[in-house]
Amino acid sequence: MAKSNAAPKTESHGPAPVTAGSTTRALDRIIHERLRLGIVSALSVNRSLTFNELKKLLDTTDGNLSVHARKLEEAGYISCEKKFEGRLPRTEYRLTQQGRAALDSYLTHMEALIRATRQS
């Protein structure tokens, strides 16, 4: 039987200390993607934004924005309201409390990563 060189598994009691090499595995993968981070960041400083406003701000395509906005909506990070203004459809997005908390946590984690990296 082959001997394993893997470290033995130990029970974790709380989050691991932040180090330059260990922080990436704990990042919120939903927010960490570039376009989704752009969406939640833009919504964090605006009460709401329409689909077209986000599309222009983030310089992306309809399909790309739709896919990423839906992923954030499914996670509960943003809300989406669809309505009509006259005969034109209008899709409006807002950051939810859960989304704001997730963004705050993500930013705190990234700040810790930056501090750990600069101290190395």
PDB file of N, CA and C in Angstrom:
ATOM      1  N   MET A   1       0.840  -1.164   0.000  1.00  0.00           N
ATOM      2  CA  MET A   1       0.000   0.000   0.000  1.00  0.00           C
ATOM      3  C   MET A   1       0.895   1.240   0.000  1.00  0.00           C
ATOM      4  N   ALA A   2       0.542   2.241  -0.818  1.00  0.00           N
ATOM      5  CA  ALA A   2       1.353   3.453  -0.939  1.00  0.00           C
ATOM      6  C   ALA A   2       1.120   4.365   0.251  1.00  0.00           C
ATOM      7  N   LYS A   3       2.189   4.989   0.684  1.00  0.00           N
ATOM      8  CA  LYS A   3       2.121   5.915   1.812  1.00  0.00           C
ATOM      9  C   LYS A   3       1.670   7.281   1.307  1.00  0.00           C
ATOM     10  N   SER A   4       0.723   7.882   1.983  1.00  0.00           N
ATOM     11  CA  SER A   4       0.222   9.193   1.596  1.00  0.00           C
ATOM     12  C   SER A   4       1.085  10.285   2.217  1.00  0.00           C
ATOM     13  N   ASN A   5       1.404  11.305   1.413  1.00  0.00           N
ATOM     14  CA  ASN A   5       2.162  12.448   1.906  1.00  0.00           C
ATOM     15  C   ASN A   5       1.244  13.584   2.334  1.00  0.00           C
ATOM     16  N   ALA A   6      -0.063  13.368   2.241  1.00  0.00           N
ATOM     17  CA  ALA A   6      -1.021  14.419   2.595  1.00  0.00           C
ATOM     18  C   ALA A   6      -1.002  14.651   4.102  1.00  0.00           C
ATOM     19  N   ALA A   7      -1.176  15.891   4.480  1.00  0.00           N
ATOM     20  CA  ALA A   7      -1.240  16.228   5.908  1.00  0.00           C
ATOM     21  C   ALA A   7      -2.503  15.637   6.501  1.00  0.00           C
ATOM     22  N   PRO A   8      -2.453  15.205   7.750  1.00  0.00           N
ATOM     23  CA  PRO A   8      -3.659  14.647   8.361  1.00  0.00           C
ATOM     24  C   PRO A   8      -4.722  15.728   8.501  1.00  0.00           C
ATOM     25  N   LYS A   9      -5.970  15.311   8.348  1.00  0.00           N
ATOM     26  CA  LYS A   9      -7.082  16.245   8.481  1.00  0.00           C
ATOM     27  C   LYS A   9      -7.328  16.507   9.954  1.00  0.00           C
ATOM     28  N   THR A  10      -7.536  17.776  10.271  1.00  0.00           N
ATOM     29  CA  THR A  10      -7.850  18.146  11.646  1.00  0.00           C
ATOM     30  C   THR A  10      -9.168  18.878  11.648  1.00  0.00           C
ATOM     31  N   GLU A  11      -9.833  18.824  12.771  1.00  0.00           N
ATOM     32  CA  GLU A  11     -11.119  19.495  12.900  1.00  0.00           C
ATOM     33  C   GLU A  11     -10.883  20.991  12.983  1.00  0.00           C
ATOM     34  N   SER A  12     -11.682  21.759  12.249  1.00  0.00           N
ATOM     35  CA  SER A  12     -11.531  23.207  12.222  1.00  0.00           C
ATOM     36  C   SER A  12     -12.445  23.852  13.257  1.00  0.00           C
ATOM     37  N   HIS A  13     -11.912  24.796  13.993  1.00  0.00           N
ATOM     38  CA  HIS A  13     -12.685  25.549  14.973  1.00  0.00           C
ATOM     39  C   HIS A  13     -12.624  27.015  14.589  1.00  0.00           C
ATOM     40  N   GLY A  14     -13.533  27.435  13.722  1.00  0.00           N
ATOM     41  CA  GLY A  14     -13.547  28.816  13.269  1.00  0.00           C
ATOM     42  C   GLY A  14     -12.717  28.998  12.014  1.00  0.00           C
ATOM     43  N   PRO A  15     -12.699  30.215  11.491  1.00  0.00           N
ATOM     44  CA  PRO A  15     -11.977  30.459  10.253  1.00  0.00           C
ATOM     45  C   PRO A  15     -10.465  30.352  10.448  1.00  0.00           C
ATOM     46  N   ALA A  16      -9.809  29.894   9.394  1.00  0.00           N
ATOM     47  CA  ALA A  16      -8.355  29.800   9.433  1.00  0.00           C
ATOM     48  C   ALA A  16      -7.766  31.197   9.373  1.00  0.00           C
ATOM     49  N   PRO A  17      -6.559  31.378   9.926  1.00  0.00           N
ATOM     50  CA  PRO A  17      -5.935  32.690   9.851  1.00  0.00           C
ATOM     51  C   PRO A  17      -5.706  33.073   8.397  1.00  0.00           C
ATOM     52  N   VAL A  18      -5.769  34.359   8.121  1.00  0.00           N
ATOM     53  CA  VAL A  18      -5.584  34.844   6.761  1.00  0.00           C
ATOM     54  C   VAL A  18      -4.102  34.910   6.456  1.00  0.00           C
ATOM     55  N   THR A  19      -3.709  34.225   5.402  1.00  0.00           N
ATOM     56  CA  THR A  19      -2.348  34.308   4.900  1.00  0.00           C
ATOM     57  C   THR A  19      -2.421  34.487   3.406  1.00  0.00           C
ATOM     58  N   ALA A  20      -1.357  34.938   2.804  1.00  0.00           N
ATOM     59  CA  ALA A  20      -1.359  35.189   1.362  1.00  0.00           C
ATOM     60  C   ALA A  20      -1.734  33.933   0.581  1.00  0.00           C
ATOM     61  N   GLY A  21      -1.336  32.771   1.045  1.00  0.00           N
ATOM     62  CA  GLY A  21      -1.607  31.547   0.305  1.00  0.00           C
ATOM     63  C   GLY A  21      -2.941  30.899   0.599  1.00  0.00           C
ATOM     64  N   SER A  22      -3.614  31.283   1.694  1.00  0.00           N
ATOM     65  CA  SER A  22      -4.814  30.558   2.111  1.00  0.00           C
ATOM     66  C   SER A  22      -6.116  31.288   1.844  1.00  0.00           C
ATOM     67  N   THR A  23      -6.087  32.544   1.478  1.00  0.00           N
ATOM     68  CA  THR A  23      -7.319  33.318   1.423  1.00  0.00           C
ATOM     69  C   THR A  23      -8.177  33.050   0.198  1.00  0.00           C
ATOM     70  N   THR A  24      -7.604  32.658  -0.895  1.00  0.00           N
ATOM     71  CA  THR A  24      -8.407  32.530  -2.103  1.00  0.00           C
ATOM     72  C   THR A  24      -9.465  31.445  -2.014  1.00  0.00           C
ATOM     73  N   ARG A  25      -9.236  30.398  -1.245  1.00  0.00           N
ATOM     74  CA  ARG A  25     -10.235  29.335  -1.198  1.00  0.00           C
ATOM     75  C   ARG A  25     -11.472  29.746  -0.414  1.00  0.00           C
ATOM     76  N   ALA A  26     -11.399  30.780   0.403  1.00  0.00           N
ATOM     77  CA  ALA A  26     -12.528  31.200   1.208  1.00  0.00           C
ATOM     78  C   ALA A  26     -13.302  32.363   0.580  1.00  0.00           C
ATOM     79  N   LEU A  27     -12.870  32.846  -0.563  1.00  0.00           N
ATOM     80  CA  LEU A  27     -13.564  33.953  -1.217  1.00  0.00           C
ATOM     81  C   LEU A  27     -14.949  33.527  -1.674  1.00  0.00           C
ATOM     82  N   ASP A  28     -15.883  34.453  -1.635  1.00  0.00           N
ATOM     83  CA  ASP A  28     -17.237  34.203  -2.138  1.00  0.00           C
ATOM     84  C   ASP A  28     -17.160  34.104  -3.652  1.00  0.00           C
ATOM     85  N   ARG A  29     -17.261  32.905  -4.171  1.00  0.00           N
ATOM     86  CA  ARG A  29     -17.103  32.669  -5.608  1.00  0.00           C
ATOM     87  C   ARG A  29     -18.214  33.334  -6.422  1.00  0.00           C
ATOM     88  N   ILE A  30     -19.349  33.584  -5.825  1.00  0.00           N
ATOM     89  CA  ILE A  30     -20.437  34.242  -6.556  1.00  0.00           C
ATOM     90  C   ILE A  30     -20.062  35.681  -6.851  1.00  0.00           C
ATOM     91  N   ILE A  31     -19.526  36.382  -5.872  1.00  0.00           N
ATOM     92  CA  ILE A  31     -19.154  37.784  -6.063  1.00  0.00           C
ATOM     93  C   ILE A  31     -17.798  37.926  -6.744  1.00  0.00           C
ATOM     94  N   HIS A  32     -16.909  36.995  -6.533  1.00  0.00           N
ATOM     95  CA  HIS A  32     -15.524  37.139  -6.993  1.00  0.00           C
ATOM     96  C   HIS A  32     -15.397  37.262  -8.512  1.00  0.00           C
ATOM     97  N   GLU A  33     -16.315  36.725  -9.281  1.00  0.00           N
ATOM     98  CA  GLU A  33     -16.253  36.841 -10.740  1.00  0.00           C
ATOM     99  C   GLU A  33     -16.347  38.321 -11.123  1.00  0.00           C
ATOM    100  N   ARG A  34     -15.516  38.751 -12.051  1.00  0.00           N
ATOM    101  CA  ARG A  34     -15.355  40.163 -12.390  1.00  0.00           C
ATOM    102  C   ARG A  34     -16.662  40.901 -12.661  1.00  0.00           C
ATOM    103  N   LEU A  35     -17.504  40.388 -13.534  1.00  0.00           N
ATOM    104  CA  LEU A  35     -18.728  41.098 -13.891  1.00  0.00           C
ATOM    105  C   LEU A  35     -19.719  41.135 -12.722  1.00  0.00           C
ATOM    106  N   ARG A  36     -19.808  40.051 -11.963  1.00  0.00           N
ATOM    107  CA  ARG A  36     -20.716  40.042 -10.809  1.00  0.00           C
ATOM    108  C   ARG A  36     -20.237  41.012  -9.736  1.00  0.00           C
ATOM    109  N   LEU A  37     -18.931  41.105  -9.535  1.00  0.00           N
ATOM    110  CA  LEU A  37     -18.391  42.087  -8.600  1.00  0.00           C
ATOM    111  C   LEU A  37     -18.732  43.498  -9.079  1.00  0.00           C
ATOM    112  N   GLY A  38     -18.663  43.715 -10.380  1.00  0.00           N
ATOM    113  CA  GLY A  38     -19.037  45.006 -10.944  1.00  0.00           C
ATOM    114  C   GLY A  38     -20.500  45.332 -10.706  1.00  0.00           C
ATOM    115  N   ILE A  39     -21.365  44.346 -10.857  1.00  0.00           N
ATOM    116  CA  ILE A  39     -22.801  44.550 -10.653  1.00  0.00           C
ATOM    117  C   ILE A  39     -23.088  44.923  -9.205  1.00  0.00           C
ATOM    118  N   VAL A  40     -22.601  44.121  -8.256  1.00  0.00           N
ATOM    119  CA  VAL A  40     -22.903  44.408  -6.852  1.00  0.00           C
ATOM    120  C   VAL A  40     -22.238  45.703  -6.396  1.00  0.00           C
ATOM    121  N   SER A  41     -21.062  46.002  -6.908  1.00  0.00           N
ATOM    122  CA  SER A  41     -20.383  47.262  -6.559  1.00  0.00           C
ATOM    123  C   SER A  41     -21.187  48.456  -7.062  1.00  0.00           C
ATOM    124  N   ALA A  42     -21.650  48.392  -8.295  1.00  0.00           N
ATOM    125  CA  ALA A  42     -22.445  49.482  -8.862  1.00  0.00           C
ATOM    126  C   ALA A  42     -23.751  49.654  -8.096  1.00  0.00           C
ATOM    127  N   LEU A  43     -24.380  48.548  -7.739  1.00  0.00           N
ATOM    128  CA  LEU A  43     -25.640  48.632  -7.000  1.00  0.00           C
ATOM    129  C   LEU A  43     -25.436  49.073  -5.552  1.00  0.00           C
ATOM    130  N   SER A  44     -24.247  48.884  -5.025  1.00  0.00           N
ATOM    131  CA  SER A  44     -23.993  49.292  -3.640  1.00  0.00           C
ATOM    132  C   SER A  44     -23.943  50.809  -3.497  1.00  0.00           C
ATOM    133  N   VAL A  45     -23.672  51.515  -4.570  1.00  0.00           N
ATOM    134  CA  VAL A  45     -23.589  52.978  -4.517  1.00  0.00           C
ATOM    135  C   VAL A  45     -24.738  53.659  -5.254  1.00  0.00           C
ATOM    136  N   ASN A  46     -25.685  52.868  -5.727  1.00  0.00           N
ATOM    137  CA  ASN A  46     -26.888  53.380  -6.391  1.00  0.00           C
ATOM    138  C   ASN A  46     -28.108  52.687  -5.801  1.00  0.00           C
ATOM    139  N   ARG A  47     -29.170  53.430  -5.609  1.00  0.00           N
ATOM    140  CA  ARG A  47     -30.406  52.835  -5.075  1.00  0.00           C
ATOM    141  C   ARG A  47     -30.883  51.700  -5.968  1.00  0.00           C
ATOM    142  N   SER A  48     -30.833  51.913  -7.267  1.00  0.00           N
ATOM    143  CA  SER A  48     -31.185  50.890  -8.245  1.00  0.00           C
ATOM    144  C   SER A  48     -30.566  51.284  -9.582  1.00  0.00           C
ATOM    145  N   LEU A  49     -30.436  50.309 -10.466  1.00  0.00           N
ATOM    146  CA  LEU A  49     -29.962  50.557 -11.823  1.00  0.00           C
ATOM    147  C   LEU A  49     -30.763  49.687 -12.771  1.00  0.00           C
ATOM    148  N   THR A  50     -31.027  50.218 -13.958  1.00  0.00           N
ATOM    149  CA  THR A  50     -31.734  49.434 -14.962  1.00  0.00           C
ATOM    150  C   THR A  50     -30.745  48.513 -15.672  1.00  0.00           C
ATOM    151  N   PHE A  51     -31.296  47.564 -16.389  1.00  0.00           N
ATOM    152  CA  PHE A  51     -30.484  46.641 -17.183  1.00  0.00           C
ATOM    153  C   PHE A  51     -29.579  47.436 -18.121  1.00  0.00           C
ATOM    154  N   ASN A  52     -30.164  48.402 -18.829  1.00  0.00           N
ATOM    155  CA  ASN A  52     -29.384  49.174 -19.801  1.00  0.00           C
ATOM    156  C   ASN A  52     -28.314  50.035 -19.143  1.00  0.00           C
ATOM    157  N   GLU A  53     -28.610  50.564 -17.965  1.00  0.00           N
ATOM    158  CA  GLU A  53     -27.601  51.347 -17.241  1.00  0.00           C
ATOM    159  C   GLU A  53     -26.423  50.459 -16.837  1.00  0.00           C
ATOM    160  N   LEU A  54     -26.717  49.277 -16.305  1.00  0.00           N
ATOM    161  CA  LEU A  54     -25.645  48.344 -15.929  1.00  0.00           C
ATOM    162  C   LEU A  54     -24.856  47.894 -17.157  1.00  0.00           C
ATOM    163  N   LYS A  55     -25.556  47.607 -18.222  1.00  0.00           N
ATOM    164  CA  LYS A  55     -24.903  47.152 -19.455  1.00  0.00           C
ATOM    165  C   LYS A  55     -23.908  48.206 -19.946  1.00  0.00           C
ATOM    166  N   LYS A  56     -24.328  49.455 -19.954  1.00  0.00           N
ATOM    167  CA  LYS A  56     -23.456  50.539 -20.412  1.00  0.00           C
ATOM    168  C   LYS A  56     -22.303  50.758 -19.423  1.00  0.00           C
ATOM    169  N   LEU A  57     -22.608  50.800 -18.142  1.00  0.00           N
ATOM    170  CA  LEU A  57     -21.605  51.030 -17.108  1.00  0.00           C
ATOM    171  C   LEU A  57     -20.516  49.960 -17.126  1.00  0.00           C
ATOM    172  N   LEU A  58     -20.918  48.708 -17.313  1.00  0.00           N
ATOM    173  CA  LEU A  58     -19.982  47.583 -17.258  1.00  0.00           C
ATOM    174  C   LEU A  58     -19.438  47.190 -18.627  1.00  0.00           C
ATOM    175  N   ASP A  59     -19.918  47.874 -19.663  1.00  0.00           N
ATOM    176  CA  ASP A  59     -19.461  47.627 -21.036  1.00  0.00           C
ATOM    177  C   ASP A  59     -19.512  46.138 -21.386  1.00  0.00           C
ATOM    178  N   THR A  60     -20.726  45.589 -21.308  1.00  0.00           N
ATOM    179  CA  THR A  60     -20.897  44.165 -21.574  1.00  0.00           C
ATOM    180  C   THR A  60     -22.092  43.940 -22.504  1.00  0.00           C
ATOM    181  N   THR A  61     -22.319  42.711 -22.862  1.00  0.00           N
ATOM    182  CA  THR A  61     -23.414  42.358 -23.764  1.00  0.00           C
ATOM    183  C   THR A  61     -24.678  42.024 -22.975  1.00  0.00           C
ATOM    184  N   ASP A  62     -25.810  42.025 -23.674  1.00  0.00           N
ATOM    185  CA  ASP A  62     -27.081  41.651 -23.054  1.00  0.00           C
ATOM    186  C   ASP A  62     -26.996  40.257 -22.424  1.00  0.00           C
ATOM    187  N   GLY A  63     -26.503  39.305 -23.199  1.00  0.00           N
ATOM    188  CA  GLY A  63     -26.447  37.923 -22.731  1.00  0.00           C
ATOM    189  C   GLY A  63     -25.550  37.743 -21.527  1.00  0.00           C
ATOM    190  N   ASN A  64     -24.386  38.372 -21.563  1.00  0.00           N
ATOM    191  CA  ASN A  64     -23.443  38.256 -20.455  1.00  0.00           C
ATOM    192  C   ASN A  64     -24.028  38.862 -19.184  1.00  0.00           C
ATOM    193  N   LEU A  65     -24.626  40.038 -19.288  1.00  0.00           N
ATOM    194  CA  LEU A  65     -25.224  40.681 -18.123  1.00  0.00           C
ATOM    195  C   LEU A  65     -26.381  39.846 -17.587  1.00  0.00           C
ATOM    196  N   SER A  66     -27.205  39.324 -18.473  1.00  0.00           N
ATOM    197  CA  SER A  66     -28.350  38.510 -18.050  1.00  0.00           C
ATOM    198  C   SER A  66     -27.920  37.291 -17.248  1.00  0.00           C
ATOM    199  N   VAL A  67     -26.919  36.585 -17.738  1.00  0.00           N
ATOM    200  CA  VAL A  67     -26.448  35.364 -17.071  1.00  0.00           C
ATOM    201  C   VAL A  67     -25.907  35.682 -15.679  1.00  0.00           C
ATOM    202  N   HIS A  68     -25.089  36.710 -15.579  1.00  0.00           N
ATOM    203  CA  HIS A  68     -24.478  37.034 -14.296  1.00  0.00           C
ATOM    204  C   HIS A  68     -25.477  37.649 -13.317  1.00  0.00           C
ATOM    205  N   ALA A  69     -26.385  38.471 -13.814  1.00  0.00           N
ATOM    206  CA  ALA A  69     -27.415  39.045 -12.942  1.00  0.00           C
ATOM    207  C   ALA A  69     -28.315  37.938 -12.400  1.00  0.00           C
ATOM    208  N   ARG A  70     -28.647  36.968 -13.231  1.00  0.00           N
ATOM    209  CA  ARG A  70     -29.483  35.858 -12.773  1.00  0.00           C
ATOM    210  C   ARG A  70     -28.782  35.059 -11.678  1.00  0.00           C
ATOM    211  N   LYS A  71     -27.489  34.832 -11.818  1.00  0.00           N
ATOM    212  CA  LYS A  71     -26.718  34.101 -10.802  1.00  0.00           C
ATOM    213  C   LYS A  71     -26.763  34.852  -9.468  1.00  0.00           C
ATOM    214  N   LEU A  72     -26.610  36.173  -9.513  1.00  0.00           N
ATOM    215  CA  LEU A  72     -26.684  36.981  -8.297  1.00  0.00           C
ATOM    216  C   LEU A  72     -28.092  36.973  -7.709  1.00  0.00           C
ATOM    217  N   GLU A  73     -29.086  36.994  -8.579  1.00  0.00           N
ATOM    218  CA  GLU A  73     -30.481  36.956  -8.123  1.00  0.00           C
ATOM    219  C   GLU A  73     -30.791  35.618  -7.456  1.00  0.00           C
ATOM    220  N   GLU A  74     -30.330  34.523  -8.048  1.00  0.00           N
ATOM    221  CA  GLU A  74     -30.553  33.195  -7.477  1.00  0.00           C
ATOM    222  C   GLU A  74     -29.879  33.053  -6.110  1.00  0.00           C
ATOM    223  N   ALA A  75     -28.760  33.746  -5.922  1.00  0.00           N
ATOM    224  CA  ALA A  75     -28.055  33.706  -4.632  1.00  0.00           C
ATOM    225  C   ALA A  75     -28.711  34.619  -3.602  1.00  0.00           C
ATOM    226  N   GLY A  76     -29.663  35.440  -4.045  1.00  0.00           N
ATOM    227  CA  GLY A  76     -30.334  36.358  -3.126  1.00  0.00           C
ATOM    228  C   GLY A  76     -29.581  37.662  -2.924  1.00  0.00           C
ATOM    229  N   TYR A  77     -28.573  37.921  -3.759  1.00  0.00           N
ATOM    230  CA  TYR A  77     -27.747  39.111  -3.603  1.00  0.00           C
ATOM    231  C   TYR A  77     -28.353  40.351  -4.255  1.00  0.00           C
ATOM    232  N   ILE A  78     -29.146  40.160  -5.295  1.00  0.00           N
ATOM    233  CA  ILE A  78     -29.824  41.284  -5.934  1.00  0.00           C
ATOM    234  C   ILE A  78     -31.281  40.913  -6.162  1.00  0.00           C
ATOM    235  N   SER A  79     -32.116  41.950  -6.306  1.00  0.00           N
ATOM    236  CA  SER A  79     -33.510  41.709  -6.676  1.00  0.00           C
ATOM    237  C   SER A  79     -33.721  42.308  -8.053  1.00  0.00           C
ATOM    238  N   CYS A  80     -34.669  41.755  -8.766  1.00  0.00           N
ATOM    239  CA  CYS A  80     -34.943  42.164 -10.132  1.00  0.00           C
ATOM    240  C   CYS A  80     -36.438  42.443 -10.251  1.00  0.00           C
ATOM    241  N   GLU A  81     -36.761  43.628 -10.761  1.00  0.00           N
ATOM    242  CA  GLU A  81     -38.164  43.986 -10.997  1.00  0.00           C
ATOM    243  C   GLU A  81     -38.337  44.306 -12.467  1.00  0.00           C
ATOM    244  N   LYS A  82     -39.264  43.593 -13.092  1.00  0.00           N
ATOM    245  CA  LYS A  82     -39.544  43.812 -14.512  1.00  0.00           C
ATOM    246  C   LYS A  82     -40.898  44.489 -14.640  1.00  0.00           C
ATOM    247  N   LYS A  83     -40.919  45.562 -15.425  1.00  0.00           N
ATOM    248  CA  LYS A  83     -42.164  46.287 -15.651  1.00  0.00           C
ATOM    249  C   LYS A  83     -42.110  46.927 -17.030  1.00  0.00           C
ATOM    250  N   PHE A  84     -43.174  47.600 -17.384  1.00  0.00           N
ATOM    251  CA  PHE A  84     -43.219  48.296 -18.660  1.00  0.00           C
ATOM    252  C   PHE A  84     -43.370  49.785 -18.408  1.00  0.00           C
ATOM    253  N   GLU A  85     -42.674  50.572 -19.209  1.00  0.00           N
ATOM    254  CA  GLU A  85     -42.873  52.015 -19.260  1.00  0.00           C
ATOM    255  C   GLU A  85     -43.417  52.284 -20.648  1.00  0.00           C
ATOM    256  N   GLY A  86     -44.713  52.537 -20.689  1.00  0.00           N
ATOM    257  CA  GLY A  86     -45.360  52.591 -21.998  1.00  0.00           C
ATOM    258  C   GLY A  86     -45.350  51.191 -22.578  1.00  0.00           C
ATOM    259  N   ARG A  87     -44.768  51.052 -23.734  1.00  0.00           N
ATOM    260  CA  ARG A  87     -44.666  49.733 -24.370  1.00  0.00           C
ATOM    261  C   ARG A  87     -43.276  49.132 -24.249  1.00  0.00           C
ATOM    262  N   LEU A  88     -42.386  49.835 -23.574  1.00  0.00           N
ATOM    263  CA  LEU A  88     -41.008  49.365 -23.464  1.00  0.00           C
ATOM    264  C   LEU A  88     -40.768  48.636 -22.140  1.00  0.00           C
ATOM    265  N   PRO A  89     -40.143  47.467 -22.227  1.00  0.00           N
ATOM    266  CA  PRO A  89     -39.829  46.746 -20.988  1.00  0.00           C
ATOM    267  C   PRO A  89     -38.708  47.456 -20.225  1.00  0.00           C
ATOM    268  N   ARG A  90     -38.785  47.392 -18.920  1.00  0.00           N
ATOM    269  CA  ARG A  90     -37.757  48.000 -18.067  1.00  0.00           C
ATOM    270  C   ARG A  90     -37.438  47.010 -16.952  1.00  0.00           C
ATOM    271  N   THR A  91     -36.184  46.632 -16.874  1.00  0.00           N
ATOM    272  CA  THR A  91     -35.715  45.733 -15.824  1.00  0.00           C
ATOM    273  C   THR A  91     -34.838  46.546 -14.887  1.00  0.00           C
ATOM    274  N   GLU A  92     -35.190  46.497 -13.614  1.00  0.00           N
ATOM    275  CA  GLU A  92     -34.481  47.290 -12.617  1.00  0.00           C
ATOM    276  C   GLU A  92     -33.921  46.371 -11.540  1.00  0.00           C
ATOM    277  N   TYR A  93     -32.672  46.615 -11.157  1.00  0.00           N
ATOM    278  CA  TYR A  93     -31.994  45.800 -10.158  1.00  0.00           C
ATOM    279  C   TYR A  93     -31.702  46.618  -8.914  1.00  0.00           C
ATOM    280  N   ARG A  94     -31.740  45.935  -7.765  1.00  0.00           N
ATOM    281  CA  ARG A  94     -31.376  46.526  -6.474  1.00  0.00           C
ATOM    282  C   ARG A  94     -30.528  45.506  -5.715  1.00  0.00           C
ATOM    283  N   LEU A  95     -29.629  46.021  -4.896  1.00  0.00           N
ATOM    284  CA  LEU A  95     -28.837  45.173  -4.021  1.00  0.00           C
ATOM    285  C   LEU A  95     -29.681  44.851  -2.791  1.00  0.00           C
ATOM    286  N   THR A  96     -29.771  43.582  -2.421  1.00  0.00           N
ATOM    287  CA  THR A  96     -30.535  43.172  -1.247  1.00  0.00           C
ATOM    288  C   THR A  96     -29.670  43.327   0.004  1.00  0.00           C
ATOM    289  N   GLN A  97     -30.286  43.213   1.181  1.00  0.00           N
ATOM    290  CA  GLN A  97     -29.513  43.245   2.434  1.00  0.00           C
ATOM    291  C   GLN A  97     -28.506  42.104   2.453  1.00  0.00           C
ATOM    292  N   GLN A  98     -28.926  40.941   1.971  1.00  0.00           N
ATOM    293  CA  GLN A  98     -28.027  39.786   1.913  1.00  0.00           C
ATOM    294  C   GLN A  98     -26.861  40.082   0.973  1.00  0.00           C
ATOM    295  N   GLY A  99     -27.140  40.746  -0.138  1.00  0.00           N
ATOM    296  CA  GLY A  99     -26.088  41.111  -1.088  1.00  0.00           C
ATOM    297  C   GLY A  99     -25.119  42.121  -0.507  1.00  0.00           C
ATOM    298  N   ARG A 100     -25.653  43.094   0.230  1.00  0.00           N
ATOM    299  CA  ARG A 100     -24.788  44.098   0.862  1.00  0.00           C
ATOM    300  C   ARG A 100     -23.889  43.432   1.904  1.00  0.00           C
ATOM    301  N   ALA A 101     -24.450  42.520   2.688  1.00  0.00           N
ATOM    302  CA  ALA A 101     -23.660  41.805   3.692  1.00  0.00           C
ATOM    303  C   ALA A 101     -22.583  40.950   3.018  1.00  0.00           C
ATOM    304  N   ALA A 102     -22.932  40.293   1.918  1.00  0.00           N
ATOM    305  CA  ALA A 102     -21.961  39.460   1.199  1.00  0.00           C
ATOM    306  C   ALA A 102     -20.848  40.323   0.612  1.00  0.00           C
ATOM    307  N   LEU A 103     -21.189  41.483   0.075  1.00  0.00           N
ATOM    308  CA  LEU A 103     -20.178  42.386  -0.470  1.00  0.00           C
ATOM    309  C   LEU A 103     -19.276  42.907   0.654  1.00  0.00           C
ATOM    310  N   ASP A 104     -19.853  43.295   1.775  1.00  0.00           N
ATOM    311  CA  ASP A 104     -19.052  43.769   2.912  1.00  0.00           C
ATOM    312  C   ASP A 104     -18.080  42.688   3.378  1.00  0.00           C
ATOM    313  N   SER A 105     -18.563  41.464   3.469  1.00  0.00           N
ATOM    314  CA  SER A 105     -17.718  40.346   3.885  1.00  0.00           C
ATOM    315  C   SER A 105     -16.602  40.108   2.866  1.00  0.00           C
ATOM    316  N   TYR A 106     -16.957  40.161   1.595  1.00  0.00           N
ATOM    317  CA  TYR A 106     -15.982  39.967   0.512  1.00  0.00           C
ATOM    318  C   TYR A 106     -14.890  41.047   0.589  1.00  0.00           C
ATOM    319  N   LEU A 107     -15.300  42.302   0.764  1.00  0.00           N
ATOM    320  CA  LEU A 107     -14.334  43.400   0.822  1.00  0.00           C
ATOM    321  C   LEU A 107     -13.432  43.277   2.046  1.00  0.00           C
ATOM    322  N   THR A 108     -13.994  42.867   3.172  1.00  0.00           N
ATOM    323  CA  THR A 108     -13.202  42.654   4.384  1.00  0.00           C
ATOM    324  C   THR A 108     -12.167  41.564   4.140  1.00  0.00           C
ATOM    325  N   HIS A 109     -12.583  40.504   3.485  1.00  0.00           N
ATOM    326  CA  HIS A 109     -11.683  39.397   3.173  1.00  0.00           C
ATOM    327  C   HIS A 109     -10.558  39.867   2.240  1.00  0.00           C
ATOM    328  N   MET A 110     -10.902  40.643   1.217  1.00  0.00           N
ATOM    329  CA  MET A 110      -9.898  41.135   0.280  1.00  0.00           C
ATOM    330  C   MET A 110      -8.924  42.090   0.973  1.00  0.00           C
ATOM    331  N   GLU A 111      -9.427  42.928   1.875  1.00  0.00           N
ATOM    332  CA  GLU A 111      -8.544  43.824   2.630  1.00  0.00           C
ATOM    333  C   GLU A 111      -7.556  43.022   3.470  1.00  0.00           C
ATOM    334  N   ALA A 112      -8.032  41.940   4.091  1.00  0.00           N
ATOM    335  CA  ALA A 112      -7.145  41.080   4.879  1.00  0.00           C
ATOM    336  C   ALA A 112      -6.106  40.427   3.985  1.00  0.00           C
ATOM    337  N   LEU A 113      -6.497  40.010   2.809  1.00  0.00           N
ATOM    338  CA  LEU A 113      -5.569  39.412   1.849  1.00  0.00           C
ATOM    339  C   LEU A 113      -4.501  40.420   1.452  1.00  0.00           C
ATOM    340  N   ILE A 114      -4.914  41.651   1.191  1.00  0.00           N
ATOM    341  CA  ILE A 114      -3.961  42.698   0.815  1.00  0.00           C
ATOM    342  C   ILE A 114      -2.974  42.961   1.951  1.00  0.00           C
ATOM    343  N   ARG A 115      -3.492  43.077   3.172  1.00  0.00           N
ATOM    344  CA  ARG A 115      -2.616  43.292   4.328  1.00  0.00           C
ATOM    345  C   ARG A 115      -1.622  42.141   4.484  1.00  0.00           C
ATOM    346  N   ALA A 116      -2.105  40.907   4.388  1.00  0.00           N
ATOM    347  CA  ALA A 116      -1.240  39.742   4.541  1.00  0.00           C
ATOM    348  C   ALA A 116      -0.174  39.705   3.447  1.00  0.00           C
ATOM    349  N   THR A 117      -0.562  40.060   2.255  1.00  0.00           N
ATOM    350  CA  THR A 117       0.382  40.047   1.136  1.00  0.00           C
ATOM    351  C   THR A 117       1.444  41.126   1.301  1.00  0.00           C
ATOM    352  N   ARG A 118       1.050  42.311   1.748  1.00  0.00           N
ATOM    353  CA  ARG A 118       2.007  43.399   1.936  1.00  0.00           C
ATOM    354  C   ARG A 118       2.959  43.127   3.087  1.00  0.00           C
ATOM    355  N   GLN A 119       2.538  42.343   4.050  1.00  0.00           N
ATOM    356  CA  GLN A 119       3.399  42.029   5.201  1.00  0.00           C
ATOM    357  C   GLN A 119       4.409  40.941   4.873  1.00  0.00           C
ATOM    358  N   SER A 120       4.170  40.235   3.798  1.00  0.00           N
ATOM    359  CA  SER A 120       5.075  39.121   3.422  1.00  0.00           C
ATOM    360  C   SER A 120       6.418  39.612   2.972  1.00  0.00           C
TER     361      SER A 120
END
